[in-house]
Amino acid sequence: FYVLMALRAELRERGVFDKATQPKLEP
């Protein structure tokens, strides 16, 4: 789960999505 959180942050940095459009990992 932590690896996925870090991956999401990395994809944000790369401009794949922003905080508003990023997928939710809470499910």
PDB file of all heavy atoms in Angstrom:
ATOM      1  N   PHE A   1       0.835  -1.202   0.000  1.00  0.00           N
ATOM      2  CA  PHE A   1       0.000   0.000   0.000  1.00  0.00           C
ATOM      3  C   PHE A   1       0.870   1.252   0.000  1.00  0.00           C
ATOM      4  O   PHE A   1       0.588   2.228  -0.715  1.00  0.00           O
ATOM      5  CB  PHE A   1      -0.931  -0.013   1.215  1.00  0.00           C
ATOM      6  CG  PHE A   1      -1.883   1.155   1.261  1.00  0.00           C
ATOM      7  CD1 PHE A   1      -2.948   1.227   0.382  1.00  0.00           C
ATOM      8  CD2 PHE A   1      -1.708   2.171   2.187  1.00  0.00           C
ATOM      9  CE1 PHE A   1      -3.841   2.307   0.423  1.00  0.00           C
ATOM     10  CE2 PHE A   1      -2.578   3.253   2.239  1.00  0.00           C
ATOM     11  CZ  PHE A   1      -3.654   3.315   1.359  1.00  0.00           C
ATOM     12  N   TYR A   2       1.938   1.235   0.770  1.00  0.00           N
ATOM     13  CA  TYR A   2       2.851   2.378   0.816  1.00  0.00           C
ATOM     14  C   TYR A   2       3.547   2.581  -0.528  1.00  0.00           C
ATOM     15  O   TYR A   2       3.769   3.712  -0.972  1.00  0.00           O
ATOM     16  CB  TYR A   2       3.874   2.193   1.947  1.00  0.00           C
ATOM     17  CG  TYR A   2       3.479   2.926   3.202  1.00  0.00           C
ATOM     18  CD1 TYR A   2       2.589   2.355   4.106  1.00  0.00           C
ATOM     19  CD2 TYR A   2       3.971   4.189   3.478  1.00  0.00           C
ATOM     20  CE1 TYR A   2       2.197   3.024   5.249  1.00  0.00           C
ATOM     21  CE2 TYR A   2       3.593   4.879   4.624  1.00  0.00           C
ATOM     22  CZ  TYR A   2       2.704   4.298   5.502  1.00  0.00           C
ATOM     23  OH  TYR A   2       2.316   4.974   6.620  1.00  0.00           O
ATOM     24  N   VAL A   3       3.904   1.491  -1.196  1.00  0.00           N
ATOM     25  CA  VAL A   3       4.516   1.600  -2.524  1.00  0.00           C
ATOM     26  C   VAL A   3       3.552   2.294  -3.487  1.00  0.00           C
ATOM     27  O   VAL A   3       3.951   3.156  -4.289  1.00  0.00           O
ATOM     28  CB  VAL A   3       4.925   0.209  -3.046  1.00  0.00           C
ATOM     29  CG1 VAL A   3       5.296   0.264  -4.529  1.00  0.00           C
ATOM     30  CG2 VAL A   3       6.097  -0.340  -2.231  1.00  0.00           C
ATOM     31  N   LEU A   4       2.267   1.955  -3.393  1.00  0.00           N
ATOM     32  CA  LEU A   4       1.271   2.592  -4.254  1.00  0.00           C
ATOM     33  C   LEU A   4       1.121   4.075  -3.938  1.00  0.00           C
ATOM     34  O   LEU A   4       0.949   4.900  -4.854  1.00  0.00           O
ATOM     35  CB  LEU A   4      -0.076   1.877  -4.118  1.00  0.00           C
ATOM     36  CG  LEU A   4      -0.119   0.436  -4.638  1.00  0.00           C
ATOM     37  CD1 LEU A   4      -1.432  -0.226  -4.243  1.00  0.00           C
ATOM     38  CD2 LEU A   4       0.072   0.390  -6.150  1.00  0.00           C
ATOM     39  N   MET A   5       1.180   4.431  -2.651  1.00  0.00           N
ATOM     40  CA  MET A   5       1.125   5.850  -2.291  1.00  0.00           C
ATOM     41  C   MET A   5       2.303   6.609  -2.894  1.00  0.00           C
ATOM     42  O   MET A   5       2.154   7.720  -3.424  1.00  0.00           O
ATOM     43  CB  MET A   5       1.105   6.020  -0.765  1.00  0.00           C
ATOM     44  CG  MET A   5      -0.215   5.680  -0.121  1.00  0.00           C
ATOM     45  SD  MET A   5      -0.367   6.369   1.558  1.00  0.00           S
ATOM     46  CE  MET A   5       0.789   5.345   2.463  1.00  0.00           C
ATOM     47  N   ALA A   6       3.486   6.003  -2.835  1.00  0.00           N
ATOM     48  CA  ALA A   6       4.673   6.643  -3.406  1.00  0.00           C
ATOM     49  C   ALA A   6       4.578   6.727  -4.925  1.00  0.00           C
ATOM     50  O   ALA A   6       4.988   7.730  -5.544  1.00  0.00           O
ATOM     51  CB  ALA A   6       5.933   5.876  -2.997  1.00  0.00           C
ATOM     52  N   LEU A   7       4.041   5.688  -5.547  1.00  0.00           N
ATOM     53  CA  LEU A   7       3.864   5.694  -7.000  1.00  0.00           C
ATOM     54  C   LEU A   7       2.903   6.802  -7.415  1.00  0.00           C
ATOM     55  O   LEU A   7       3.154   7.511  -8.401  1.00  0.00           O
ATOM     56  CB  LEU A   7       3.341   4.330  -7.466  1.00  0.00           C
ATOM     57  CG  LEU A   7       2.901   4.235  -8.934  1.00  0.00           C
ATOM     58  CD1 LEU A   7       4.041   4.583  -9.880  1.00  0.00           C
ATOM     59  CD2 LEU A   7       2.344   2.840  -9.233  1.00  0.00           C
ATOM     60  N   ARG A   8       1.823   6.957  -6.690  1.00  0.00           N
ATOM     61  CA  ARG A   8       0.869   8.021  -7.020  1.00  0.00           C
ATOM     62  C   ARG A   8       1.536   9.398  -6.930  1.00  0.00           C
ATOM     63  O   ARG A   8       1.325  10.255  -7.791  1.00  0.00           O
ATOM     64  CB  ARG A   8      -0.348   7.952  -6.087  1.00  0.00           C
ATOM     65  CG  ARG A   8      -1.452   8.919  -6.470  1.00  0.00           C
ATOM     66  CD  ARG A   8      -2.692   8.739  -5.615  1.00  0.00           C
ATOM     67  NE  ARG A   8      -2.442   9.038  -4.216  1.00  0.00           N
ATOM     68  CZ  ARG A   8      -3.392   9.028  -3.281  1.00  0.00           C
ATOM     69  NH1 ARG A   8      -4.645   8.713  -3.617  1.00  0.00           N
ATOM     70  NH2 ARG A   8      -3.119   9.301  -2.025  1.00  0.00           N
ATOM     71  N   ALA A   9       2.354   9.592  -5.886  1.00  0.00           N
ATOM     72  CA  ALA A   9       3.075  10.863  -5.759  1.00  0.00           C
ATOM     73  C   ALA A   9       4.041  11.059  -6.933  1.00  0.00           C
ATOM     74  O   ALA A   9       4.169  12.176  -7.469  1.00  0.00           O
ATOM     75  CB  ALA A   9       3.830  10.894  -4.432  1.00  0.00           C
ATOM     76  N   GLU A  10       4.719   9.994  -7.345  1.00  0.00           N
ATOM     77  CA  GLU A  10       5.642  10.076  -8.477  1.00  0.00           C
ATOM     78  C   GLU A  10       4.891  10.434  -9.759  1.00  0.00           C
ATOM     79  O   GLU A  10       5.366  11.272 -10.558  1.00  0.00           O
ATOM     80  CB  GLU A  10       6.357   8.733  -8.643  1.00  0.00           C
ATOM     81  CG  GLU A  10       7.262   8.616  -9.850  1.00  0.00           C
ATOM     82  CD  GLU A  10       8.557   9.418  -9.744  1.00  0.00           C
ATOM     83  OE1 GLU A  10       8.921   9.806  -8.615  1.00  0.00           O
ATOM     84  OE2 GLU A  10       9.198   9.658 -10.788  1.00  0.00           O
ATOM     85  N   LEU A  11       3.728   9.840  -9.968  1.00  0.00           N
ATOM     86  CA  LEU A  11       2.931  10.143 -11.162  1.00  0.00           C
ATOM     87  C   LEU A  11       2.399  11.577 -11.125  1.00  0.00           C
ATOM     88  O   LEU A  11       2.265  12.221 -12.182  1.00  0.00           O
ATOM     89  CB  LEU A  11       1.789   9.138 -11.292  1.00  0.00           C
ATOM     90  CG  LEU A  11       2.225   7.688 -11.581  1.00  0.00           C
ATOM     91  CD1 LEU A  11       1.034   6.733 -11.500  1.00  0.00           C
ATOM     92  CD2 LEU A  11       2.886   7.581 -12.945  1.00  0.00           C
ATOM     93  N   ARG A  12       2.103  12.089  -9.925  1.00  0.00           N
ATOM     94  CA  ARG A  12       1.712  13.504  -9.804  1.00  0.00           C
ATOM     95  C   ARG A  12       2.855  14.405 -10.248  1.00  0.00           C
ATOM     96  O   ARG A  12       2.659  15.372 -10.983  1.00  0.00           O
ATOM     97  CB  ARG A  12       1.324  13.841  -8.360  1.00  0.00           C
ATOM     98  CG  ARG A  12      -0.072  13.530  -7.977  1.00  0.00           C
ATOM     99  CD  ARG A  12      -0.542  14.333  -6.756  1.00  0.00           C
ATOM    100  NE  ARG A  12       0.437  14.376  -5.676  1.00  0.00           N
ATOM    101  CZ  ARG A  12       0.478  13.503  -4.674  1.00  0.00           C
ATOM    102  NH1 ARG A  12      -0.397  12.512  -4.642  1.00  0.00           N
ATOM    103  NH2 ARG A  12       1.377  13.610  -3.717  1.00  0.00           N
ATOM    104  N   GLU A  13       4.067  14.088  -9.760  1.00  0.00           N
ATOM    105  CA  GLU A  13       5.239  14.889 -10.125  1.00  0.00           C
ATOM    106  C   GLU A  13       5.479  14.883 -11.625  1.00  0.00           C
ATOM    107  O   GLU A  13       5.946  15.865 -12.200  1.00  0.00           O
ATOM    108  CB  GLU A  13       6.488  14.367  -9.395  1.00  0.00           C
ATOM    109  CG  GLU A  13       6.524  14.677  -7.913  1.00  0.00           C
ATOM    110  CD  GLU A  13       7.801  14.165  -7.256  1.00  0.00           C
ATOM    111  OE1 GLU A  13       8.781  13.899  -7.993  1.00  0.00           O
ATOM    112  OE2 GLU A  13       7.804  14.028  -6.022  1.00  0.00           O
ATOM    113  N   ARG A  14       5.129  13.780 -12.263  1.00  0.00           N
ATOM    114  CA  ARG A  14       5.331  13.667 -13.709  1.00  0.00           C
ATOM    115  C   ARG A  14       4.188  14.287 -14.506  1.00  0.00           C
ATOM    116  O   ARG A  14       4.193  14.267 -15.736  1.00  0.00           O
ATOM    117  CB  ARG A  14       5.502  12.192 -14.104  1.00  0.00           C
ATOM    118  CG  ARG A  14       6.732  11.538 -13.502  1.00  0.00           C
ATOM    119  CD  ARG A  14       6.935  10.128 -14.043  1.00  0.00           C
ATOM    120  NE  ARG A  14       8.093   9.479 -13.431  1.00  0.00           N
ATOM    121  CZ  ARG A  14       8.703   8.400 -13.922  1.00  0.00           C
ATOM    122  NH1 ARG A  14       8.262   7.855 -15.056  1.00  0.00           N
ATOM    123  NH2 ARG A  14       9.742   7.874 -13.305  1.00  0.00           N
ATOM    124  N   GLY A  15       3.182  14.811 -13.791  1.00  0.00           N
ATOM    125  CA  GLY A  15       2.084  15.501 -14.467  1.00  0.00           C
ATOM    126  C   GLY A  15       1.020  14.588 -15.035  1.00  0.00           C
ATOM    127  O   GLY A  15       0.177  15.019 -15.827  1.00  0.00           O
ATOM    128  N   VAL A  16       1.028  13.299 -14.620  1.00  0.00           N
ATOM    129  CA  VAL A  16       0.011  12.364 -15.125  1.00  0.00           C
ATOM    130  C   VAL A  16      -1.372  12.761 -14.618  1.00  0.00           C
ATOM    131  O   VAL A  16      -2.369  12.639 -15.318  1.00  0.00           O
ATOM    132  CB  VAL A  16       0.364  10.919 -14.721  1.00  0.00           C
ATOM    133  CG1 VAL A  16      -0.723   9.947 -15.153  1.00  0.00           C
ATOM    134  CG2 VAL A  16       1.708  10.524 -15.320  1.00  0.00           C
ATOM    135  N   PHE A  17      -1.418  13.244 -13.385  1.00  0.00           N
ATOM    136  CA  PHE A  17      -2.636  13.798 -12.812  1.00  0.00           C
ATOM    137  C   PHE A  17      -2.247  14.722 -11.670  1.00  0.00           C
ATOM    138  O   PHE A  17      -1.066  14.784 -11.271  1.00  0.00           O
ATOM    139  CB  PHE A  17      -3.611  12.719 -12.318  1.00  0.00           C
ATOM    140  CG  PHE A  17      -2.948  11.511 -11.690  1.00  0.00           C
ATOM    141  CD1 PHE A  17      -2.211  11.623 -10.509  1.00  0.00           C
ATOM    142  CD2 PHE A  17      -3.049  10.264 -12.274  1.00  0.00           C
ATOM    143  CE1 PHE A  17      -1.616  10.531  -9.924  1.00  0.00           C
ATOM    144  CE2 PHE A  17      -2.438   9.155 -11.698  1.00  0.00           C
ATOM    145  CZ  PHE A  17      -1.731   9.283 -10.537  1.00  0.00           C
ATOM    146  N   ASP A  18      -3.202  15.477 -11.146  1.00  0.00           N
ATOM    147  CA  ASP A  18      -2.927  16.346 -10.002  1.00  0.00           C
ATOM    148  C   ASP A  18      -3.730  15.852  -8.805  1.00  0.00           C
ATOM    149  O   ASP A  18      -4.421  14.834  -8.883  1.00  0.00           O
ATOM    150  CB  ASP A  18      -3.241  17.811 -10.327  1.00  0.00           C
ATOM    151  CG  ASP A  18      -4.692  18.011 -10.767  1.00  0.00           C
ATOM    152  OD1 ASP A  18      -5.561  17.210 -10.349  1.00  0.00           O
ATOM    153  OD2 ASP A  18      -4.958  18.960 -11.529  1.00  0.00           O
ATOM    154  N   LYS A  19      -3.668  16.605  -7.701  1.00  0.00           N
ATOM    155  CA  LYS A  19      -4.335  16.142  -6.480  1.00  0.00           C
ATOM    156  C   LYS A  19      -5.843  16.030  -6.671  1.00  0.00           C
ATOM    157  O   LYS A  19      -6.493  15.197  -6.032  1.00  0.00           O
ATOM    158  CB  LYS A  19      -4.018  17.082  -5.317  1.00  0.00           C
ATOM    159  CG  LYS A  19      -2.626  16.884  -4.743  1.00  0.00           C
ATOM    160  CD  LYS A  19      -2.583  17.252  -3.278  1.00  0.00           C
ATOM    161  CE  LYS A  19      -1.260  16.790  -2.660  1.00  0.00           C
ATOM    162  NZ  LYS A  19      -1.227  16.992  -1.212  1.00  0.00           N
ATOM    163  N   ALA A  20      -6.396  16.871  -7.551  1.00  0.00           N
ATOM    164  CA  ALA A  20      -7.850  16.850  -7.759  1.00  0.00           C
ATOM    165  C   ALA A  20      -8.287  15.656  -8.604  1.00  0.00           C
ATOM    166  O   ALA A  20      -9.384  15.122  -8.421  1.00  0.00           O
ATOM    167  CB  ALA A  20      -8.299  18.151  -8.410  1.00  0.00           C
ATOM    168  N   THR A  21      -7.422  15.238  -9.523  1.00  0.00           N
ATOM    169  CA  THR A  21      -7.822  14.180 -10.463  1.00  0.00           C
ATOM    170  C   THR A  21      -7.194  12.826 -10.162  1.00  0.00           C
ATOM    171  O   THR A  21      -7.499  11.841 -10.832  1.00  0.00           O
ATOM    172  CB  THR A  21      -7.451  14.592 -11.904  1.00  0.00           C
ATOM    173  OG1 THR A  21      -6.024  14.769 -11.986  1.00  0.00           O
ATOM    174  CG2 THR A  21      -8.150  15.880 -12.295  1.00  0.00           C
ATOM    175  N   GLN A  22      -6.300  12.761  -9.174  1.00  0.00           N
ATOM    176  CA  GLN A  22      -5.608  11.504  -8.901  1.00  0.00           C
ATOM    177  C   GLN A  22      -6.567  10.437  -8.400  1.00  0.00           C
ATOM    178  O   GLN A  22      -7.555  10.731  -7.727  1.00  0.00           O
ATOM    179  CB  GLN A  22      -4.490  11.721  -7.877  1.00  0.00           C
ATOM    180  CG  GLN A  22      -4.987  12.041  -6.476  1.00  0.00           C
ATOM    181  CD  GLN A  22      -3.856  12.296  -5.489  1.00  0.00           C
ATOM    182  OE1 GLN A  22      -2.704  12.390  -5.870  1.00  0.00           O
ATOM    183  NE2 GLN A  22      -4.192  12.416  -4.221  1.00  0.00           N
ATOM    184  N   PRO A  23      -6.303   9.163  -8.742  1.00  0.00           N
ATOM    185  CA  PRO A  23      -7.165   8.072  -8.248  1.00  0.00           C
ATOM    186  C   PRO A  23      -7.098   7.958  -6.730  1.00  0.00           C
ATOM    187  O   PRO A  23      -6.061   8.236  -6.117  1.00  0.00           O
ATOM    188  CB  PRO A  23      -6.561   6.825  -8.908  1.00  0.00           C
ATOM    189  CG  PRO A  23      -5.743   7.328 -10.048  1.00  0.00           C
ATOM    190  CD  PRO A  23      -5.243   8.673  -9.639  1.00  0.00           C
ATOM    191  N   LYS A  24      -8.199   7.562  -6.134  1.00  0.00           N
ATOM    192  CA  LYS A  24      -8.249   7.371  -4.678  1.00  0.00           C
ATOM    193  C   LYS A  24      -7.775   5.959  -4.331  1.00  0.00           C
ATOM    194  O   LYS A  24      -8.215   4.986  -4.950  1.00  0.00           O
ATOM    195  CB  LYS A  24      -9.664   7.593  -4.160  1.00  0.00           C
ATOM    196  CG  LYS A  24     -10.153   9.032  -4.278  1.00  0.00           C
ATOM    197  CD  LYS A  24     -11.499   9.190  -3.605  1.00  0.00           C
ATOM    198  CE  LYS A  24     -12.012  10.617  -3.723  1.00  0.00           C
ATOM    199  NZ  LYS A  24     -11.114  11.585  -3.067  1.00  0.00           N
ATOM    200  N   LEU A  25      -6.880   5.863  -3.358  1.00  0.00           N
ATOM    201  CA  LEU A  25      -6.388   4.563  -2.906  1.00  0.00           C
ATOM    202  C   LEU A  25      -7.149   4.056  -1.674  1.00  0.00           C
ATOM    203  O   LEU A  25      -6.983   2.903  -1.267  1.00  0.00           O
ATOM    204  CB  LEU A  25      -4.895   4.652  -2.577  1.00  0.00           C
ATOM    205  CG  LEU A  25      -3.973   5.001  -3.756  1.00  0.00           C
ATOM    206  CD1 LEU A  25      -2.529   5.116  -3.275  1.00  0.00           C
ATOM    207  CD2 LEU A  25      -4.086   3.970  -4.876  1.00  0.00           C
ATOM    208  N   GLU A  26      -8.013   4.912  -1.096  1.00  0.00           N
ATOM    209  CA  GLU A  26      -8.739   4.519   0.109  1.00  0.00           C
ATOM    210  C   GLU A  26      -9.578   3.253  -0.059  1.00  0.00           C
ATOM    211  O   GLU A  26      -9.731   2.488   0.905  1.00  0.00           O
ATOM    212  CB  GLU A  26      -9.643   5.670   0.587  1.00  0.00           C
ATOM    213  CG  GLU A  26      -8.896   6.833   1.201  1.00  0.00           C
ATOM    214  CD  GLU A  26      -8.454   7.861   0.166  1.00  0.00           C
ATOM    215  OE1 GLU A  26      -8.361   7.512  -1.028  1.00  0.00           O
ATOM    216  OE2 GLU A  26      -8.196   9.005   0.556  1.00  0.00           O
ATOM    217  N   PRO A  27     -10.149   2.970  -1.261  1.00  0.00           N
ATOM    218  CA  PRO A  27     -10.915   1.725  -1.404  1.00  0.00           C
ATOM    219  C   PRO A  27     -10.100   0.456  -1.153  1.00  0.00           C
ATOM    220  O   PRO A  27     -10.672  -0.616  -0.965  1.00  0.00           O
ATOM    221  CB  PRO A  27     -11.400   1.785  -2.860  1.00  0.00           C
ATOM    222  CG  PRO A  27     -11.470   3.242  -3.178  1.00  0.00           C
ATOM    223  CD  PRO A  27     -10.308   3.843  -2.452  1.00  0.00           C
TER     224      PRO A  27
END
